[in-house]
Amino acid sequence: MENKINVKTGDTVYVLTGKNRGKKGKILSVQPKKGTVIVENVNIVKRHTKPRRMNELGGIIDKEAPIHRSNVMLICPSCGKPTKIGKLILENGQKARVCKKCNEIIDIIKEAK
């Protein structure tokens, strides 16, 4: 069962809880089945990796770890504040994401079929 995630790749989000509380970053990937997102330069962990190919180096690599979807909040592009997201059906039948603080349309949702 997939979890409902209101943010998508490319959105700028604000981290609400944890050691990275207060940081802002862009979403690199969304994992709906796990209910997590990976945010750029947030929740950095160290991974010890082996070289897999001839020209690849091994060693200790810093990379972003997933954060649960409930711990991030979308930053509205028009008002610049962290906000909840509302859904709105337009006159032409398309759905849009709406900022709950300033009531501006964030973007049009493309339905996956």
PDB file of N, CA and C in Angstrom:
ATOM      1  N   MET A   1       0.842  -1.186   0.000  1.00  0.00           N
ATOM      2  CA  MET A   1       0.000   0.000   0.000  1.00  0.00           C
ATOM      3  C   MET A   1       0.880   1.240   0.000  1.00  0.00           C
ATOM      4  N   GLU A   2       0.610   2.130  -0.946  1.00  0.00           N
ATOM      5  CA  GLU A   2       1.401   3.351  -1.041  1.00  0.00           C
ATOM      6  C   GLU A   2       0.864   4.415  -0.093  1.00  0.00           C
ATOM      7  N   ASN A   3       1.782   5.162   0.498  1.00  0.00           N
ATOM      8  CA  ASN A   3       1.404   6.270   1.371  1.00  0.00           C
ATOM      9  C   ASN A   3       1.159   7.508   0.533  1.00  0.00           C
ATOM     10  N   LYS A   4       0.300   8.390   1.016  1.00  0.00           N
ATOM     11  CA  LYS A   4       0.015   9.626   0.305  1.00  0.00           C
ATOM     12  C   LYS A   4       1.095  10.644   0.651  1.00  0.00           C
ATOM     13  N   ILE A   5       1.817  11.109  -0.374  1.00  0.00           N
ATOM     14  CA  ILE A   5       2.878  12.088  -0.167  1.00  0.00           C
ATOM     15  C   ILE A   5       2.513  13.353  -0.920  1.00  0.00           C
ATOM     16  N   ASN A   6       2.483  14.480  -0.204  1.00  0.00           N
ATOM     17  CA  ASN A   6       2.058  15.739  -0.806  1.00  0.00           C
ATOM     18  C   ASN A   6       3.192  16.525  -1.441  1.00  0.00           C
ATOM     19  N   VAL A   7       4.424  16.085  -1.265  1.00  0.00           N
ATOM     20  CA  VAL A   7       5.558  16.764  -1.884  1.00  0.00           C
ATOM     21  C   VAL A   7       6.086  15.895  -3.015  1.00  0.00           C
ATOM     22  N   LYS A   8       6.812  16.511  -3.944  1.00  0.00           N
ATOM     23  CA  LYS A   8       7.369  15.738  -5.053  1.00  0.00           C
ATOM     24  C   LYS A   8       8.778  16.213  -5.360  1.00  0.00           C
ATOM     25  N   THR A   9       9.460  15.475  -6.225  1.00  0.00           N
ATOM     26  CA  THR A   9      10.845  15.770  -6.565  1.00  0.00           C
ATOM     27  C   THR A   9      10.967  17.195  -7.108  1.00  0.00           C
ATOM     28  N   GLY A  10      11.942  17.930  -6.592  1.00  0.00           N
ATOM     29  CA  GLY A  10      12.167  19.300  -7.032  1.00  0.00           C
ATOM     30  C   GLY A  10      11.569  20.353  -6.113  1.00  0.00           C
ATOM     31  N   ASP A  11      10.657  19.968  -5.215  1.00  0.00           N
ATOM     32  CA  ASP A  11      10.068  20.916  -4.260  1.00  0.00           C
ATOM     33  C   ASP A  11      11.107  21.323  -3.223  1.00  0.00           C
ATOM     34  N   THR A  12      10.994  22.551  -2.723  1.00  0.00           N
ATOM     35  CA  THR A  12      11.822  23.007  -1.613  1.00  0.00           C
ATOM     36  C   THR A  12      11.033  22.776  -0.333  1.00  0.00           C
ATOM     37  N   VAL A  13      11.677  22.115   0.645  1.00  0.00           N
ATOM     38  CA  VAL A  13      10.986  21.769   1.878  1.00  0.00           C
ATOM     39  C   VAL A  13      11.751  22.273   3.095  1.00  0.00           C
ATOM     40  N   TYR A  14      11.040  22.342   4.225  1.00  0.00           N
ATOM     41  CA  TYR A  14      11.562  22.754   5.523  1.00  0.00           C
ATOM     42  C   TYR A  14      11.492  21.531   6.430  1.00  0.00           C
ATOM     43  N   VAL A  15      12.579  21.208   7.128  1.00  0.00           N
ATOM     44  CA  VAL A  15      12.614  20.042   8.010  1.00  0.00           C
ATOM     45  C   VAL A  15      12.065  20.450   9.377  1.00  0.00           C
ATOM     46  N   LEU A  16      11.051  19.698   9.860  1.00  0.00           N
ATOM     47  CA  LEU A  16      10.348  20.047  11.087  1.00  0.00           C
ATOM     48  C   LEU A  16      10.984  19.470  12.349  1.00  0.00           C
ATOM     49  N   THR A  17      11.510  18.247  12.276  1.00  0.00           N
ATOM     50  CA  THR A  17      12.005  17.585  13.485  1.00  0.00           C
ATOM     51  C   THR A  17      13.344  16.918  13.235  1.00  0.00           C
ATOM     52  N   GLY A  18      13.968  16.476  14.310  1.00  0.00           N
ATOM     53  CA  GLY A  18      15.212  15.732  14.224  1.00  0.00           C
ATOM     54  C   GLY A  18      16.431  16.618  14.343  1.00  0.00           C
ATOM     55  N   LYS A  19      17.599  16.013  14.107  1.00  0.00           N
ATOM     56  CA  LYS A  19      18.858  16.743  14.250  1.00  0.00           C
ATOM     57  C   LYS A  19      19.022  17.836  13.196  1.00  0.00           C
ATOM     58  N   ASN A  20      18.258  17.760  12.108  1.00  0.00           N
ATOM     59  CA  ASN A  20      18.341  18.748  11.034  1.00  0.00           C
ATOM     60  C   ASN A  20      17.182  19.732  11.048  1.00  0.00           C
ATOM     61  N   ARG A  21      16.493  19.874  12.184  1.00  0.00           N
ATOM     62  CA  ARG A  21      15.343  20.763  12.295  1.00  0.00           C
ATOM     63  C   ARG A  21      15.725  22.191  11.904  1.00  0.00           C
ATOM     64  N   GLY A  22      14.882  22.818  11.068  1.00  0.00           N
ATOM     65  CA  GLY A  22      15.116  24.190  10.651  1.00  0.00           C
ATOM     66  C   GLY A  22      15.841  24.317   9.326  1.00  0.00           C
ATOM     67  N   LYS A  23      16.387  23.227   8.799  1.00  0.00           N
ATOM     68  CA  LYS A  23      17.105  23.294   7.523  1.00  0.00           C
ATOM     69  C   LYS A  23      16.122  23.278   6.362  1.00  0.00           C
ATOM     70  N   LYS A  24      16.544  23.878   5.261  1.00  0.00           N
ATOM     71  CA  LYS A  24      15.754  23.883   4.038  1.00  0.00           C
ATOM     72  C   LYS A  24      16.555  23.182   2.954  1.00  0.00           C
ATOM     73  N   GLY A  25      15.855  22.530   2.045  1.00  0.00           N
ATOM     74  CA  GLY A  25      16.536  21.843   0.959  1.00  0.00           C
ATOM     75  C   GLY A  25      15.578  21.402  -0.121  1.00  0.00           C
ATOM     76  N   LYS A  26      16.152  20.998  -1.243  1.00  0.00           N
ATOM     77  CA  LYS A  26      15.378  20.544  -2.389  1.00  0.00           C
ATOM     78  C   LYS A  26      15.244  19.025  -2.326  1.00  0.00           C
ATOM     79  N   ILE A  27      14.078  18.510  -2.682  1.00  0.00           N
ATOM     80  CA  ILE A  27      13.857  17.064  -2.664  1.00  0.00           C
ATOM     81  C   ILE A  27      14.539  16.433  -3.865  1.00  0.00           C
ATOM     82  N   LEU A  28      15.400  15.440  -3.600  1.00  0.00           N
ATOM     83  CA  LEU A  28      16.097  14.721  -4.658  1.00  0.00           C
ATOM     84  C   LEU A  28      15.295  13.529  -5.141  1.00  0.00           C
ATOM     85  N   SER A  29      14.636  12.819  -4.221  1.00  0.00           N
ATOM     86  CA  SER A  29      13.804  11.683  -4.618  1.00  0.00           C
ATOM     87  C   SER A  29      12.724  11.429  -3.571  1.00  0.00           C
ATOM     88  N   VAL A  30      11.643  10.776  -4.039  1.00  0.00           N
ATOM     89  CA  VAL A  30      10.508  10.433  -3.188  1.00  0.00           C
ATOM     90  C   VAL A  30      10.306   8.928  -3.278  1.00  0.00           C
ATOM     91  N   GLN A  31      10.096   8.286  -2.131  1.00  0.00           N
ATOM     92  CA  GLN A  31       9.855   6.848  -2.080  1.00  0.00           C
ATOM     93  C   GLN A  31       8.471   6.611  -1.474  1.00  0.00           C
ATOM     94  N   PRO A  32       7.405   6.591  -2.308  1.00  0.00           N
ATOM     95  CA  PRO A  32       6.036   6.509  -1.780  1.00  0.00           C
ATOM     96  C   PRO A  32       5.744   5.224  -1.003  1.00  0.00           C
ATOM     97  N   LYS A  33       6.319   4.099  -1.404  1.00  0.00           N
ATOM     98  CA  LYS A  33       6.038   2.843  -0.711  1.00  0.00           C
ATOM     99  C   LYS A  33       6.586   2.854   0.705  1.00  0.00           C
ATOM    100  N   LYS A  34       7.715   3.502   0.924  1.00  0.00           N
ATOM    101  CA  LYS A  34       8.310   3.602   2.257  1.00  0.00           C
ATOM    102  C   LYS A  34       7.812   4.837   3.002  1.00  0.00           C
ATOM    103  N   GLY A  35       7.260   5.810   2.278  1.00  0.00           N
ATOM    104  CA  GLY A  35       6.787   7.038   2.908  1.00  0.00           C
ATOM    105  C   GLY A  35       7.921   7.975   3.291  1.00  0.00           C
ATOM    106  N   THR A  36       9.011   7.946   2.502  1.00  0.00           N
ATOM    107  CA  THR A  36      10.169   8.773   2.825  1.00  0.00           C
ATOM    108  C   THR A  36      10.572   9.650   1.650  1.00  0.00           C
ATOM    109  N   VAL A  37      11.353  10.677   1.954  1.00  0.00           N
ATOM    110  CA  VAL A  37      11.922  11.564   0.937  1.00  0.00           C
ATOM    111  C   VAL A  37      13.407  11.748   1.235  1.00  0.00           C
ATOM    112  N   ILE A  38      14.182  12.040   0.185  1.00  0.00           N
ATOM    113  CA  ILE A  38      15.597  12.364   0.354  1.00  0.00           C
ATOM    114  C   ILE A  38      15.765  13.828   0.005  1.00  0.00           C
ATOM    115  N   VAL A  39      16.280  14.616   0.972  1.00  0.00           N
ATOM    116  CA  VAL A  39      16.423  16.058   0.822  1.00  0.00           C
ATOM    117  C   VAL A  39      17.905  16.396   0.672  1.00  0.00           C
ATOM    118  N   GLU A  40      18.198  17.302  -0.254  1.00  0.00           N
ATOM    119  CA  GLU A  40      19.573  17.691  -0.557  1.00  0.00           C
ATOM    120  C   GLU A  40      20.245  18.334   0.651  1.00  0.00           C
ATOM    121  N   ASN A  41      21.442  17.846   1.013  1.00  0.00           N
ATOM    122  CA  ASN A  41      22.272  18.350   2.117  1.00  0.00           C
ATOM    123  C   ASN A  41      21.596  18.293   3.487  1.00  0.00           C
ATOM    124  N   VAL A  42      20.684  17.330   3.680  1.00  0.00           N
ATOM    125  CA  VAL A  42      20.013  17.144   4.965  1.00  0.00           C
ATOM    126  C   VAL A  42      20.116  15.672   5.334  1.00  0.00           C
ATOM    127  N   ASN A  43      20.316  15.378   6.621  1.00  0.00           N
ATOM    128  CA  ASN A  43      20.429  14.010   7.140  1.00  0.00           C
ATOM    129  C   ASN A  43      21.596  13.278   6.472  1.00  0.00           C
ATOM    130  N   ILE A  44      22.773  13.894   6.527  1.00  0.00           N
ATOM    131  CA  ILE A  44      23.981  13.332   5.922  1.00  0.00           C
ATOM    132  C   ILE A  44      24.519  12.203   6.813  1.00  0.00           C
ATOM    133  N   VAL A  45      24.803  11.041   6.186  1.00  0.00           N
ATOM    134  CA  VAL A  45      25.386   9.904   6.889  1.00  0.00           C
ATOM    135  C   VAL A  45      26.654   9.474   6.162  1.00  0.00           C
ATOM    136  N   LYS A  46      27.510   8.749   6.860  1.00  0.00           N
ATOM    137  CA  LYS A  46      28.743   8.246   6.246  1.00  0.00           C
ATOM    138  C   LYS A  46      28.541   6.786   5.881  1.00  0.00           C
ATOM    139  N   ARG A  47      28.958   6.414   4.676  1.00  0.00           N
ATOM    140  CA  ARG A  47      28.862   5.042   4.201  1.00  0.00           C
ATOM    141  C   ARG A  47      30.240   4.554   3.787  1.00  0.00           C
ATOM    142  N   HIS A  48      30.626   3.397   4.295  1.00  0.00           N
ATOM    143  CA  HIS A  48      31.892   2.780   3.916  1.00  0.00           C
ATOM    144  C   HIS A  48      31.631   1.935   2.681  1.00  0.00           C
ATOM    145  N   THR A  49      32.261   2.277   1.559  1.00  0.00           N
ATOM    146  CA  THR A  49      31.987   1.580   0.309  1.00  0.00           C
ATOM    147  C   THR A  49      33.246   0.934  -0.252  1.00  0.00           C
ATOM    148  N   LYS A  50      33.043  -0.184  -0.925  1.00  0.00           N
ATOM    149  CA  LYS A  50      34.125  -0.867  -1.633  1.00  0.00           C
ATOM    150  C   LYS A  50      34.131  -0.386  -3.080  1.00  0.00           C
ATOM    151  N   PRO A  51      35.278  -0.385  -3.718  1.00  0.00           N
ATOM    152  CA  PRO A  51      35.285  -0.081  -5.149  1.00  0.00           C
ATOM    153  C   PRO A  51      34.613  -1.221  -5.915  1.00  0.00           C
ATOM    154  N   ARG A  52      33.676  -0.922  -6.785  1.00  0.00           N
ATOM    155  CA  ARG A  52      32.936  -1.948  -7.522  1.00  0.00           C
ATOM    156  C   ARG A  52      33.550  -2.206  -8.900  1.00  0.00           C
ATOM    157  N   ARG A  53      34.127  -1.178  -9.523  1.00  0.00           N
ATOM    158  CA  ARG A  53      34.722  -1.312 -10.855  1.00  0.00           C
ATOM    159  C   ARG A  53      36.203  -0.988 -10.779  1.00  0.00           C
ATOM    160  N   MET A  54      36.896  -1.180 -11.877  1.00  0.00           N
ATOM    161  CA  MET A  54      38.346  -0.951 -11.912  1.00  0.00           C
ATOM    162  C   MET A  54      38.726   0.486 -11.561  1.00  0.00           C
ATOM    163  N   ASN A  55      38.016   1.471 -12.123  1.00  0.00           N
ATOM    164  CA  ASN A  55      38.394   2.874 -11.963  1.00  0.00           C
ATOM    165  C   ASN A  55      37.670   3.563 -10.805  1.00  0.00           C
ATOM    166  N   GLU A  56      36.851   2.851 -10.060  1.00  0.00           N
ATOM    167  CA  GLU A  56      36.075   3.457  -8.985  1.00  0.00           C
ATOM    168  C   GLU A  56      36.865   3.398  -7.680  1.00  0.00           C
ATOM    169  N   LEU A  57      36.782   4.475  -6.900  1.00  0.00           N
ATOM    170  CA  LEU A  57      37.468   4.525  -5.614  1.00  0.00           C
ATOM    171  C   LEU A  57      36.528   4.091  -4.496  1.00  0.00           C
ATOM    172  N   GLY A  58      37.070   3.432  -3.503  1.00  0.00           N
ATOM    173  CA  GLY A  58      36.306   3.092  -2.316  1.00  0.00           C
ATOM    174  C   GLY A  58      36.606   4.106  -1.228  1.00  0.00           C
ATOM    175  N   GLY A  59      36.051   3.897  -0.060  1.00  0.00           N
ATOM    176  CA  GLY A  59      36.335   4.778   1.059  1.00  0.00           C
ATOM    177  C   GLY A  59      35.074   5.190   1.786  1.00  0.00           C
ATOM    178  N   ILE A  60      35.192   6.224   2.586  1.00  0.00           N
ATOM    179  CA  ILE A  60      34.066   6.723   3.366  1.00  0.00           C
ATOM    180  C   ILE A  60      33.409   7.844   2.568  1.00  0.00           C
ATOM    181  N   ILE A  61      32.126   7.666   2.266  1.00  0.00           N
ATOM    182  CA  ILE A  61      31.392   8.611   1.421  1.00  0.00           C
ATOM    183  C   ILE A  61      30.249   9.212   2.229  1.00  0.00           C
ATOM    184  N   ASP A  62      30.067  10.545   2.121  1.00  0.00           N
ATOM    185  CA  ASP A  62      28.919  11.219   2.733  1.00  0.00           C
ATOM    186  C   ASP A  62      27.764  11.187   1.751  1.00  0.00           C
ATOM    187  N   LYS A  63      26.577  10.771   2.229  1.00  0.00           N
ATOM    188  CA  LYS A  63      25.404  10.769   1.363  1.00  0.00           C
ATOM    189  C   LYS A  63      24.162  11.087   2.183  1.00  0.00           C
ATOM    190  N   GLU A  64      23.092  11.479   1.493  1.00  0.00           N
ATOM    191  CA  GLU A  64      21.848  11.827   2.160  1.00  0.00           C
ATOM    192  C   GLU A  64      21.057  10.564   2.482  1.00  0.00           C
ATOM    193  N   ALA A  65      20.508  10.494   3.684  1.00  0.00           N
ATOM    194  CA  ALA A  65      19.654   9.383   4.089  1.00  0.00           C
ATOM    195  C   ALA A  65      18.195   9.844   4.036  1.00  0.00           C
ATOM    196  N   PRO A  66      17.255   8.907   3.897  1.00  0.00           N
ATOM    197  CA  PRO A  66      15.836   9.280   3.815  1.00  0.00           C
ATOM    198  C   PRO A  66      15.303   9.866   5.118  1.00  0.00           C
ATOM    199  N   ILE A  67      14.283  10.727   4.968  1.00  0.00           N
ATOM    200  CA  ILE A  67      13.551  11.322   6.095  1.00  0.00           C
ATOM    201  C   ILE A  67      12.085  10.971   5.891  1.00  0.00           C
ATOM    202  N   HIS A  68      11.368  10.697   6.965  1.00  0.00           N
ATOM    203  CA  HIS A  68       9.945  10.382   6.842  1.00  0.00           C
ATOM    204  C   HIS A  68       9.180  11.599   6.328  1.00  0.00           C
ATOM    205  N   ARG A  69       8.148  11.328   5.543  1.00  0.00           N
ATOM    206  CA  ARG A  69       7.392  12.400   4.881  1.00  0.00           C
ATOM    207  C   ARG A  69       6.715  13.350   5.866  1.00  0.00           C
ATOM    208  N   SER A  70       6.403  12.860   7.070  1.00  0.00           N
ATOM    209  CA  SER A  70       5.725  13.703   8.058  1.00  0.00           C
ATOM    210  C   SER A  70       6.668  14.720   8.693  1.00  0.00           C
ATOM    211  N   ASN A  71       7.968  14.572   8.471  1.00  0.00           N
ATOM    212  CA  ASN A  71       8.942  15.469   9.083  1.00  0.00           C
ATOM    213  C   ASN A  71       9.379  16.604   8.165  1.00  0.00           C
ATOM    214  N   VAL A  72       8.763  16.727   7.000  1.00  0.00           N
ATOM    215  CA  VAL A  72       9.074  17.836   6.096  1.00  0.00           C
ATOM    216  C   VAL A  72       7.790  18.570   5.722  1.00  0.00           C
ATOM    217  N   MET A  73       7.935  19.864   5.438  1.00  0.00           N
ATOM    218  CA  MET A  73       6.800  20.686   5.047  1.00  0.00           C
ATOM    219  C   MET A  73       7.201  21.538   3.851  1.00  0.00           C
ATOM    220  N   LEU A  74       6.332  21.604   2.855  1.00  0.00           N
ATOM    221  CA  LEU A  74       6.605  22.346   1.634  1.00  0.00           C
ATOM    222  C   LEU A  74       6.739  23.837   1.911  1.00  0.00           C
ATOM    223  N   ILE A  75       7.707  24.485   1.257  1.00  0.00           N
ATOM    224  CA  ILE A  75       7.839  25.935   1.319  1.00  0.00           C
ATOM    225  C   ILE A  75       7.151  26.506   0.087  1.00  0.00           C
ATOM    226  N   CYS A  76       6.178  27.369   0.307  1.00  0.00           N
ATOM    227  CA  CYS A  76       5.407  27.969  -0.787  1.00  0.00           C
ATOM    228  C   CYS A  76       6.311  28.875  -1.616  1.00  0.00           C
ATOM    229  N   PRO A  77       6.318  28.719  -2.960  1.00  0.00           N
ATOM    230  CA  PRO A  77       7.168  29.570  -3.794  1.00  0.00           C
ATOM    231  C   PRO A  77       6.738  31.042  -3.793  1.00  0.00           C
ATOM    232  N   SER A  78       5.444  31.324  -3.559  1.00  0.00           N
ATOM    233  CA  SER A  78       4.993  32.714  -3.620  1.00  0.00           C
ATOM    234  C   SER A  78       5.153  33.462  -2.299  1.00  0.00           C
ATOM    235  N   CYS A  79       4.791  32.832  -1.155  1.00  0.00           N
ATOM    236  CA  CYS A  79       4.919  33.535   0.130  1.00  0.00           C
ATOM    237  C   CYS A  79       6.205  33.183   0.866  1.00  0.00           C
ATOM    238  N   GLY A  80       6.886  32.090   0.491  1.00  0.00           N
ATOM    239  CA  GLY A  80       8.166  31.732   1.071  1.00  0.00           C
ATOM    240  C   GLY A  80       8.107  31.156   2.467  1.00  0.00           C
ATOM    241  N   LYS A  81       6.921  30.714   2.923  1.00  0.00           N
ATOM    242  CA  LYS A  81       6.766  30.166   4.262  1.00  0.00           C
ATOM    243  C   LYS A  81       6.428  28.681   4.182  1.00  0.00           C
ATOM    244  N   PRO A  82       6.828  27.890   5.198  1.00  0.00           N
ATOM    245  CA  PRO A  82       6.395  26.496   5.240  1.00  0.00           C
ATOM    246  C   PRO A  82       4.880  26.438   5.391  1.00  0.00           C
ATOM    247  N   THR A  83       4.232  25.598   4.600  1.00  0.00           N
ATOM    248  CA  THR A  83       2.777  25.588   4.581  1.00  0.00           C
ATOM    249  C   THR A  83       2.223  24.198   4.354  1.00  0.00           C
ATOM    250  N   LYS A  84       0.979  23.995   4.751  1.00  0.00           N
ATOM    251  CA  LYS A  84       0.261  22.787   4.394  1.00  0.00           C
ATOM    252  C   LYS A  84      -0.202  22.932   2.946  1.00  0.00           C
ATOM    253  N   ILE A  85      -0.514  21.793   2.335  1.00  0.00           N
ATOM    254  CA  ILE A  85      -0.911  21.805   0.932  1.00  0.00           C
ATOM    255  C   ILE A  85      -2.367  21.408   0.825  1.00  0.00           C
ATOM    256  N   GLY A  86      -3.129  22.193   0.058  1.00  0.00           N
ATOM    257  CA  GLY A  86      -4.514  21.857  -0.225  1.00  0.00           C
ATOM    258  C   GLY A  86      -4.661  21.457  -1.678  1.00  0.00           C
ATOM    259  N   LYS A  87      -5.737  20.760  -1.982  1.00  0.00           N
ATOM    260  CA  LYS A  87      -6.028  20.367  -3.362  1.00  0.00           C
ATOM    261  C   LYS A  87      -7.217  21.189  -3.843  1.00  0.00           C
ATOM    262  N   LEU A  88      -7.208  21.548  -5.130  1.00  0.00           N
ATOM    263  CA  LEU A  88      -8.268  22.351  -5.717  1.00  0.00           C
ATOM    264  C   LEU A  88      -8.549  21.822  -7.103  1.00  0.00           C
ATOM    265  N   ILE A  89      -9.834  21.682  -7.450  1.00  0.00           N
ATOM    266  CA  ILE A  89     -10.205  21.284  -8.801  1.00  0.00           C
ATOM    267  C   ILE A  89     -10.562  22.545  -9.570  1.00  0.00           C
ATOM    268  N   LEU A  90      -9.856  22.772 -10.674  1.00  0.00           N
ATOM    269  CA  LEU A  90     -10.068  23.974 -11.488  1.00  0.00           C
ATOM    270  C   LEU A  90     -11.289  23.801 -12.391  1.00  0.00           C
ATOM    271  N   GLU A  91     -11.702  24.890 -13.075  1.00  0.00           N
ATOM    272  CA  GLU A  91     -12.880  24.844 -13.936  1.00  0.00           C
ATOM    273  C   GLU A  91     -12.710  23.882 -15.105  1.00  0.00           C
ATOM    274  N   ASN A  92     -11.485  23.721 -15.598  1.00  0.00           N
ATOM    275  CA  ASN A  92     -11.254  22.824 -16.736  1.00  0.00           C
ATOM    276  C   ASN A  92     -11.094  21.366 -16.303  1.00  0.00           C
ATOM    277  N   GLY A  93     -11.283  21.058 -15.012  1.00  0.00           N
ATOM    278  CA  GLY A  93     -11.236  19.685 -14.535  1.00  0.00           C
ATOM    279  C   GLY A  93      -9.875  19.246 -14.020  1.00  0.00           C
ATOM    280  N   GLN A  94      -8.846  20.079 -14.167  1.00  0.00           N
ATOM    281  CA  GLN A  94      -7.519  19.721 -13.678  1.00  0.00           C
ATOM    282  C   GLN A  94      -7.430  19.957 -12.178  1.00  0.00           C
ATOM    283  N   LYS A  95      -6.537  19.190 -11.523  1.00  0.00           N
ATOM    284  CA  LYS A  95      -6.309  19.356 -10.094  1.00  0.00           C
ATOM    285  C   LYS A  95      -5.055  20.181  -9.883  1.00  0.00           C
ATOM    286  N   ALA A  96      -5.042  20.974  -8.805  1.00  0.00           N
ATOM    287  CA  ALA A  96      -3.895  21.829  -8.514  1.00  0.00           C
ATOM    288  C   ALA A  96      -3.562  21.739  -7.028  1.00  0.00           C
ATOM    289  N   ARG A  97      -2.264  21.931  -6.705  1.00  0.00           N
ATOM    290  CA  ARG A  97      -1.835  22.044  -5.316  1.00  0.00           C
ATOM    291  C   ARG A  97      -1.901  23.515  -4.934  1.00  0.00           C
ATOM    292  N   VAL A  98      -2.435  23.800  -3.737  1.00  0.00           N
ATOM    293  CA  VAL A  98      -2.664  25.177  -3.300  1.00  0.00           C
ATOM    294  C   VAL A  98      -2.030  25.401  -1.937  1.00  0.00           C
ATOM    295  N   CYS A  99      -1.414  26.571  -1.748  1.00  0.00           N
ATOM    296  CA  CYS A  99      -0.854  26.970  -0.460  1.00  0.00           C
ATOM    297  C   CYS A  99      -2.002  27.329   0.477  1.00  0.00           C
ATOM    298  N   LYS A 100      -2.004  26.773   1.697  1.00  0.00           N
ATOM    299  CA  LYS A 100      -3.077  27.050   2.658  1.00  0.00           C
ATOM    300  C   LYS A 100      -2.934  28.422   3.314  1.00  0.00           C
ATOM    301  N   LYS A 101      -1.718  29.019   3.252  1.00  0.00           N
ATOM    302  CA  LYS A 101      -1.507  30.322   3.900  1.00  0.00           C
ATOM    303  C   LYS A 101      -1.907  31.482   2.991  1.00  0.00           C
ATOM    304  N   CYS A 102      -1.466  31.430   1.716  1.00  0.00           N
ATOM    305  CA  CYS A 102      -1.724  32.566   0.824  1.00  0.00           C
ATOM    306  C   CYS A 102      -2.724  32.238  -0.290  1.00  0.00           C
ATOM    307  N   ASN A 103      -3.241  31.012  -0.338  1.00  0.00           N
ATOM    308  CA  ASN A 103      -4.227  30.554  -1.330  1.00  0.00           C
ATOM    309  C   ASN A 103      -3.770  30.703  -2.774  1.00  0.00           C
ATOM    310  N   GLU A 104      -2.450  30.681  -3.010  1.00  0.00           N
ATOM    311  CA  GLU A 104      -1.910  30.727  -4.368  1.00  0.00           C
ATOM    312  C   GLU A 104      -1.743  29.308  -4.896  1.00  0.00           C
ATOM    313  N   ILE A 105      -1.927  29.147  -6.196  1.00  0.00           N
ATOM    314  CA  ILE A 105      -1.739  27.832  -6.817  1.00  0.00           C
ATOM    315  C   ILE A 105      -0.243  27.571  -6.925  1.00  0.00           C
ATOM    316  N   ILE A 106       0.205  26.427  -6.399  1.00  0.00           N
ATOM    317  CA  ILE A 106       1.616  26.050  -6.454  1.00  0.00           C
ATOM    318  C   ILE A 106       1.928  25.447  -7.812  1.00  0.00           C
ATOM    319  N   ASP A 107       1.148  24.440  -8.211  1.00  0.00           N
ATOM    320  CA  ASP A 107       1.315  23.841  -9.537  1.00  0.00           C
ATOM    321  C   ASP A 107       0.117  22.962  -9.865  1.00  0.00           C
ATOM    322  N   ILE A 108       0.041  22.552 -11.138  1.00  0.00           N
ATOM    323  CA  ILE A 108      -1.007  21.674 -11.614  1.00  0.00           C
ATOM    324  C   ILE A 108      -0.516  20.223 -11.450  1.00  0.00           C
ATOM    325  N   ILE A 109      -1.381  19.357 -10.934  1.00  0.00           N
ATOM    326  CA  ILE A 109      -1.007  17.965 -10.706  1.00  0.00           C
ATOM    327  C   ILE A 109      -1.237  17.176 -11.985  1.00  0.00           C
ATOM    328  N   LYS A 110      -0.221  16.426 -12.389  1.00  0.00           N
ATOM    329  CA  LYS A 110      -0.355  15.518 -13.520  1.00  0.00           C
ATOM    330  C   LYS A 110      -0.653  14.151 -12.951  1.00  0.00           C
ATOM    331  N   GLU A 111      -1.820  13.619 -13.243  1.00  0.00           N
ATOM    332  CA  GLU A 111      -2.230  12.335 -12.708  1.00  0.00           C
ATOM    333  C   GLU A 111      -1.480  11.202 -13.372  1.00  0.00           C
ATOM    334  N   ALA A 112      -0.969  10.273 -12.594  1.00  0.00           N
ATOM    335  CA  ALA A 112      -0.314   9.083 -13.133  1.00  0.00           C
ATOM    336  C   ALA A 112      -1.382   8.048 -13.464  1.00  0.00           C
ATOM    337  N   LYS A 113      -1.289   7.476 -14.653  1.00  0.00           N
ATOM    338  CA  LYS A 113      -2.315   6.495 -15.066  1.00  0.00           C
ATOM    339  C   LYS A 113      -1.719   5.159 -15.322  1.00  0.00           C
TER     340      LYS A 113
END
